[in-house]
Amino acid sequence: MKKILILIVVLFSGFGFAQESEKNPVIIISSYDFTRPGLAMKMIDKYQAVEWDNQVKKGNILGWGYMQHWMADEYDVIFYFQTTSLDSWQNAATEVSSALSTKMSKDEWKTYTENTINHKDGLYIGRHDFNQGMIK
């Protein structure tokens, strides 16, 4: 479903998106609403964080992170990915999904997916990014 949604976004965004992504980073935002956000974040920290960190170390994506949203929005957890292209993110996501399928038990995966109420993806082109490193 996620790949279909991204494909639709890309088709509607047209040629301009491809031209802009050559100059600017692609930002992907994935938002999730969970019945039990704390449980979801434990599973993210235990499994997904390691795999996404590996994708950064391999150079497949530029960076990633996730945050918890506390109020004024229906989504509890928001992932963000910075990459050079949609293809590089899709390749990284495929590798992460493959790794998770071997590392998470069927019961853990079932718990995680049943805990998910809603999900949406957004695809953005970065226009300006100023970063001096880690916040201290």
Foldseek 3Di string as FASTA:
>chain_A
DQVVQVVVVVVVVPPVVVVLLQPFKKKKKKFFAFPDVVLLVVCCVVAVVVLQVVCCVVVLFVDKDKDADDDDDRTGMMIMTIGSDPVSVVVSVVVSVVRCVVVDDPVSVVVNVVRTDDMDMDMDTDDDDDDDDDDD
